[in-house]
Amino acid sequence: MRAMWKGTIGLGSFGIPVRAYSAIEERGVALHQVHESDGGRIRLKRVCEVDGAEVDGDATAKGFALPGGDVVVLSEADLASLPLPTASSIEISAFAPLEQIDPLHFARGYFLEPEIASTRPYVLLSEAMQQSGKVAVVRVALRQRETLAVLRVRDQVIVLQTMLWPDEIRTPDFPFQHTEADVRADEVRTAVGFIENLAGDFEPARYADRSRAALEALIEAKAEGNEVVQPTAAEQDAGVVALLAALRETAEEPAVRRAKAAARKAAAAKAAATRAARRAETAARVTE
């Protein structure tokens, strides 16, 4: 695993040095946009809409469009100058029961590994949170942006779970919320009975990504059936055609030159004969 962040868990003036590793690894089947006829990869380019020029990554910046159409351009140096007190520290603000936090707030998870010298305080914090039944509400800056998060314990490892800010959670507004719906008590009891019959411990290993499995099976079947294209075939064919044309032209050059020379000689002979005939005709007229 490769650490994506290094810093400290800060509690007052005390800090526990840690490294953060992404806790998830998405395993979707990677599909690319290709040209349907020959399988050639379609590449997207950065093109400036003002002058139409292709722009290198080094020449790009961030921009904020103002209502009047003007754009505030922000360079990497501008963004790096922003004050981020939590750029290298996970700042603990409070401790709270996990059940009070709506899972809708959770974004991404990161495993925190302690530096060797900070193993004991790391374990102490982990044990204290487990026994208290609380999680730590924290602030941390990742990728130049401060985010709200919690520290919780999973299998003795402290997990940094980033969260959305409260104003990033939308308020649902659906027509059914304003509709009266009467539900009888016996219907509720029946539904509860169904739920109880299906209830059990959550075992993640029992679940698999069926859509990914189906896509992998489809790809494998097409590959085994030789339903494939060679993206370089068209380019190679074009190269072969061009090579043959060049060889043909080269091979035909001597014959073409000979044919042109013979045509020039025939034309010259015909012109000479015409001139001789005209001279003879002129001489005959003089004699008369």
Protein backbone atom coordinates (compact mmCIF):
# COMPACT_ATOMS: atom_id res chain seq x y z
CA MET A 1 0.00 0.00 0.00
CA ARG A 2 1.14 3.52 -0.78
CA ALA A 3 0.53 6.35 1.68
CA MET A 4 -1.41 9.26 0.20
CA TRP A 5 -1.02 11.60 3.20
CA LYS A 6 1.30 12.04 6.18
CA GLY A 7 0.63 14.10 9.28
CA THR A 8 -0.48 13.87 12.88
CA ILE A 9 -3.61 13.21 14.88
CA GLY A 10 -3.71 16.39 16.95
CA LEU A 11 -5.32 16.59 20.38
CA GLY A 12 -4.43 19.91 21.96
CA SER A 13 -0.66 20.26 21.95
CA PHE A 14 -0.14 16.48 21.57
CA GLY A 15 0.23 14.84 18.18
CA ILE A 16 0.36 11.20 16.98
CA PRO A 17 2.30 10.90 13.68
CA VAL A 18 0.40 8.73 11.18
CA ARG A 19 0.24 7.81 7.49
CA ALA A 20 -3.05 7.57 5.60
CA TYR A 21 -3.83 4.86 3.05
CA SER A 22 -6.95 4.60 0.92
CA ALA A 23 -9.26 2.04 2.50
CA ILE A 24 -11.05 1.19 -0.74
CA GLU A 25 -10.04 -0.18 -4.12
CA GLU A 26 -12.69 0.02 -6.81
CA ARG A 27 -12.72 -3.06 -9.02
CA GLY A 28 -14.94 -2.10 -11.92
CA VAL A 29 -14.05 -3.36 -15.40
CA ALA A 30 -12.08 -0.62 -17.17
CA LEU A 31 -13.77 0.32 -20.45
CA HIS A 32 -12.38 2.91 -22.86
CA GLN A 33 -14.06 4.95 -25.55
CA VAL A 34 -13.09 3.49 -28.93
CA HIS A 35 -13.96 3.94 -32.60
CA GLU A 36 -16.60 1.28 -33.21
CA SER A 37 -15.43 0.41 -36.72
CA ASP A 38 -11.78 -0.36 -35.94
CA GLY A 39 -11.41 -0.28 -32.14
CA GLY A 40 -9.03 2.68 -32.18
CA ARG A 41 -8.77 4.47 -28.83
CA ILE A 42 -10.49 7.86 -28.72
CA ARG A 43 -8.30 10.45 -27.01
CA LEU A 44 -9.67 13.61 -25.46
CA LYS A 45 -7.64 16.78 -25.86
CA ARG A 46 -7.51 19.99 -23.83
CA VAL A 47 -8.61 22.66 -26.29
CA CYS A 48 -8.97 26.36 -25.46
CA GLU A 49 -12.41 27.57 -26.52
CA VAL A 50 -11.04 31.08 -27.20
CA ASP A 51 -8.26 30.39 -29.72
CA GLY A 52 -8.86 26.70 -30.44
CA ALA A 53 -5.30 25.80 -29.45
CA GLU A 54 -4.46 22.52 -27.72
CA VAL A 55 -3.19 23.28 -24.20
CA ASP A 56 -0.51 21.31 -22.34
CA GLY A 57 -1.13 20.32 -18.73
CA ASP A 58 1.63 22.67 -17.59
CA ALA A 59 -0.24 25.64 -19.07
CA THR A 60 -3.55 24.97 -17.30
CA ALA A 61 -4.87 26.72 -14.20
CA LYS A 62 -8.09 26.81 -12.20
CA GLY A 63 -10.68 29.48 -12.92
CA PHE A 64 -13.84 30.89 -11.39
CA ALA A 65 -16.39 32.44 -13.75
CA LEU A 66 -17.96 35.68 -12.55
CA PRO A 67 -21.59 36.55 -13.42
CA GLY A 68 -20.50 39.16 -16.00
CA GLY A 69 -18.40 36.68 -17.93
CA ASP A 70 -14.99 37.60 -16.47
CA VAL A 71 -12.86 34.74 -15.12
CA VAL A 72 -10.70 34.81 -12.00
CA VAL A 73 -7.63 32.68 -12.79
CA LEU A 74 -6.04 30.83 -9.87
CA SER A 75 -2.59 29.33 -10.29
CA GLU A 76 -1.18 26.43 -8.30
CA ALA A 77 0.82 28.98 -6.30
CA ASP A 78 -2.39 30.85 -5.44
CA LEU A 79 -4.03 27.66 -4.22
CA ALA A 80 -0.93 26.62 -2.27
CA SER A 81 -0.98 29.98 -0.45
CA LEU A 82 -4.44 29.35 1.05
CA PRO A 83 -4.33 29.13 4.87
CA LEU A 84 -4.98 25.47 5.78
CA PRO A 85 -4.29 24.87 9.48
CA THR A 86 -5.16 21.20 9.03
CA ALA A 87 -2.90 20.61 6.01
CA SER A 88 -0.66 18.28 8.04
CA SER A 89 -2.78 17.60 11.10
CA ILE A 90 -6.02 15.77 11.83
CA GLU A 91 -7.53 18.23 14.29
CA ILE A 92 -9.83 16.57 16.84
CA SER A 93 -12.74 18.90 17.66
CA ALA A 94 -15.03 16.65 19.75
CA PHE A 95 -16.13 13.09 20.50
CA ALA A 96 -19.65 11.88 19.71
CA PRO A 97 -21.70 8.65 19.41
CA LEU A 98 -21.39 7.15 15.92
CA GLU A 99 -25.13 6.48 15.73
CA GLN A 100 -25.79 10.22 15.84
CA ILE A 101 -24.07 10.68 12.47
CA ASP A 102 -26.21 10.01 9.41
CA PRO A 103 -24.27 7.66 7.05
CA LEU A 104 -25.31 9.99 4.23
CA HIS A 105 -22.54 12.32 5.43
CA PHE A 106 -19.78 9.74 4.87
CA ALA A 107 -17.58 10.04 1.79
CA ARG A 108 -14.27 8.11 1.64
CA GLY A 109 -12.32 6.03 4.14
CA TYR A 110 -8.58 5.92 4.91
CA PHE A 111 -6.64 3.55 7.16
CA LEU A 112 -4.26 5.35 9.53
CA GLU A 113 -0.93 3.70 10.32
CA PRO A 114 1.12 5.02 13.24
CA GLU A 115 4.79 5.77 12.98
CA ILE A 116 6.80 3.26 15.02
CA ALA A 117 7.61 5.79 17.75
CA SER A 118 3.91 6.64 18.20
CA THR A 119 2.51 3.09 18.41
CA ARG A 120 1.62 3.23 22.14
CA PRO A 121 -0.35 6.53 22.03
CA TYR A 122 -2.06 5.30 18.84
CA VAL A 123 -3.20 2.09 20.54
CA LEU A 124 -4.23 4.05 23.64
CA LEU A 125 -6.46 6.34 21.58
CA SER A 126 -7.93 3.35 19.74
CA GLU A 127 -8.76 1.49 22.96
CA ALA A 128 -10.18 4.61 24.61
CA MET A 129 -12.52 5.28 21.69
CA GLN A 130 -13.70 1.66 21.60
CA GLN A 131 -14.43 1.53 25.33
CA SER A 132 -16.17 4.91 25.30
CA GLY A 133 -18.29 3.99 22.30
CA LYS A 134 -17.46 7.35 20.74
CA VAL A 135 -15.87 8.53 17.52
CA ALA A 136 -13.70 11.61 17.12
CA VAL A 137 -15.10 14.46 15.03
CA VAL A 138 -12.16 16.03 13.21
CA ARG A 139 -11.07 18.46 10.51
CA VAL A 140 -8.37 17.60 7.97
CA ALA A 141 -7.15 19.09 4.71
CA LEU A 142 -6.76 16.64 1.82
CA ARG A 143 -5.83 17.76 -1.70
CA GLN A 144 -5.83 21.45 -0.78
CA ARG A 145 -9.32 21.41 0.69
CA GLU A 146 -10.36 21.12 4.33
CA THR A 147 -13.01 18.53 5.03
CA LEU A 148 -15.01 17.33 8.01
CA ALA A 149 -14.32 13.74 9.09
CA VAL A 150 -14.50 11.25 11.92
CA LEU A 151 -11.96 8.88 13.43
CA ARG A 152 -13.41 5.46 14.21
CA VAL A 153 -11.91 2.07 14.97
CA ARG A 154 -12.19 -0.95 12.69
CA ASP A 155 -10.36 -4.17 13.59
CA GLN A 156 -8.07 -2.24 15.95
CA VAL A 157 -7.09 0.17 13.14
CA ILE A 158 -8.12 3.81 13.32
CA VAL A 159 -10.03 4.83 10.20
CA LEU A 160 -10.31 8.39 8.93
CA GLN A 161 -13.79 8.67 7.40
CA THR A 162 -14.19 11.90 5.44
CA MET A 163 -17.60 13.55 5.46
CA LEU A 164 -19.62 16.07 3.49
CA TRP A 165 -20.24 19.45 5.02
CA PRO A 166 -23.80 19.96 6.32
CA ASP A 167 -24.70 22.36 3.49
CA GLU A 168 -23.68 19.72 0.95
CA ILE A 169 -26.51 17.40 2.01
CA ARG A 170 -29.61 18.16 -0.01
CA THR A 171 -33.09 18.36 1.51
CA PRO A 172 -35.50 15.90 -0.14
CA ASP A 173 -38.53 17.48 -1.74
CA PHE A 174 -40.87 14.96 -3.36
CA PRO A 175 -44.61 15.17 -4.06
CA PHE A 176 -45.35 12.11 -1.93
CA GLN A 177 -44.17 13.99 1.17
CA HIS A 178 -47.26 16.15 0.86
CA THR A 179 -49.63 13.22 0.25
CA GLU A 180 -51.71 11.56 2.95
CA ALA A 181 -51.28 7.76 3.11
CA ASP A 182 -53.19 5.61 5.61
CA VAL A 183 -51.43 2.41 6.68
CA ARG A 184 -53.29 -0.07 8.89
CA ALA A 185 -51.66 -1.55 11.99
CA ASP A 186 -52.11 -5.15 10.77
CA GLU A 187 -50.29 -4.29 7.53
CA VAL A 188 -47.39 -2.90 9.50
CA ARG A 189 -47.26 -6.04 11.68
CA THR A 190 -47.19 -8.25 8.57
CA ALA A 191 -44.38 -6.21 7.03
CA VAL A 192 -42.42 -6.35 10.28
CA GLY A 193 -42.84 -10.13 10.29
CA PHE A 194 -41.35 -10.39 6.80
CA ILE A 195 -38.41 -8.26 7.86
CA GLU A 196 -37.79 -10.38 10.96
CA ASN A 197 -37.81 -13.56 8.85
CA LEU A 198 -35.14 -12.11 6.55
CA ALA A 199 -33.11 -10.51 9.33
CA GLY A 200 -29.56 -11.62 10.13
CA ASP A 201 -26.02 -10.41 10.61
CA PHE A 202 -24.51 -8.42 7.78
CA GLU A 203 -21.86 -10.56 6.09
CA PRO A 204 -20.18 -8.59 3.28
CA ALA A 205 -18.56 -11.72 1.82
CA ARG A 206 -22.01 -13.05 0.88
CA TYR A 207 -22.45 -10.29 -1.69
CA ALA A 208 -20.75 -9.97 -5.06
CA ASP A 209 -20.86 -7.49 -7.92
CA ARG A 210 -23.14 -9.33 -10.36
CA SER A 211 -22.97 -6.62 -13.01
CA ARG A 212 -19.16 -6.78 -13.06
CA ALA A 213 -19.25 -10.58 -13.29
CA ALA A 214 -21.71 -10.40 -16.20
CA LEU A 215 -19.56 -7.84 -18.03
CA GLU A 216 -16.42 -9.92 -17.53
CA ALA A 217 -18.26 -13.01 -18.85
CA LEU A 218 -19.44 -11.07 -21.91
CA ILE A 219 -15.91 -9.84 -22.65
CA GLU A 220 -14.49 -13.34 -22.23
CA ALA A 221 -17.14 -14.87 -24.53
CA LYS A 222 -16.46 -12.31 -27.26
CA ALA A 223 -12.70 -12.85 -26.94
CA GLU A 224 -13.08 -16.64 -27.17
CA GLY A 225 -15.39 -16.22 -30.18
CA ASN A 226 -12.75 -14.05 -31.85
CA GLU A 227 -15.16 -11.11 -31.91
CA VAL A 228 -12.28 -8.68 -31.70
CA VAL A 229 -10.74 -5.94 -33.80
CA GLN A 230 -7.14 -4.87 -34.17
CA PRO A 231 -6.92 -1.10 -33.61
CA THR A 232 -3.66 -0.94 -35.61
CA ALA A 233 -4.95 -3.00 -38.56
CA ALA A 234 -6.31 -0.02 -40.53
CA GLU A 235 -3.10 1.93 -40.03
CA GLN A 236 -1.01 -1.08 -41.04
CA ASP A 237 -3.19 -1.67 -44.13
CA ALA A 238 -2.78 1.96 -45.13
CA GLY A 239 0.98 1.60 -44.74
CA VAL A 240 1.00 -1.52 -46.92
CA VAL A 241 -1.03 0.22 -49.62
CA ALA A 242 1.30 3.22 -49.56
CA LEU A 243 4.38 0.97 -49.74
CA LEU A 244 3.00 -1.02 -52.70
CA ALA A 245 2.13 2.21 -54.51
CA ALA A 246 5.64 3.52 -53.98
CA LEU A 247 7.19 0.25 -55.19
CA ARG A 248 4.91 0.20 -58.22
CA GLU A 249 5.80 3.77 -59.07
CA THR A 250 9.50 3.04 -58.67
CA ALA A 251 9.25 -0.12 -60.79
CA GLU A 252 7.28 1.68 -63.50
CA GLU A 253 9.63 4.65 -63.79
CA PRO A 254 12.05 3.11 -66.36
CA ALA A 255 9.20 1.90 -68.55
CA VAL A 256 7.47 5.26 -68.27
CA ARG A 257 10.67 7.08 -69.18
CA ARG A 258 11.19 4.79 -72.22
CA ALA A 259 7.59 5.25 -73.32
CA LYS A 260 7.84 9.02 -73.01
CA ALA A 261 11.15 9.04 -74.92
CA ALA A 262 9.65 6.92 -77.71
CA ALA A 263 6.62 9.22 -77.88
CA ARG A 264 8.90 12.24 -78.14
CA LYS A 265 10.91 10.59 -80.93
CA ALA A 266 7.75 9.64 -82.82
CA ALA A 267 6.42 13.16 -82.46
CA ALA A 268 9.74 14.61 -83.68
CA ALA A 269 9.80 12.25 -86.68
CA LYS A 270 6.23 13.13 -87.56
CA ALA A 271 7.02 16.84 -87.32
CA ALA A 272 10.13 16.38 -89.54
CA ALA A 273 8.09 14.50 -92.13
CA THR A 274 5.48 17.22 -92.11
CA ARG A 275 8.11 19.89 -92.63
CA ALA A 276 9.74 17.87 -95.48
CA ALA A 277 6.38 17.46 -97.17
CA ARG A 278 5.73 21.19 -96.94
CA ARG A 279 9.16 21.99 -98.43
CA ALA A 280 8.59 19.59 -101.30
CA GLU A 281 5.19 21.10 -101.95
CA THR A 282 6.66 24.58 -101.96
CA ALA A 283 9.45 23.55 -104.34
CA ALA A 284 6.94 22.03 -106.77
CA ARG A 285 4.95 25.24 -106.88
CA VAL A 286 8.08 27.28 -107.65
CA THR A 287 9.00 24.95 -110.55
CA GLU A 288 5.62 25.38 -112.11
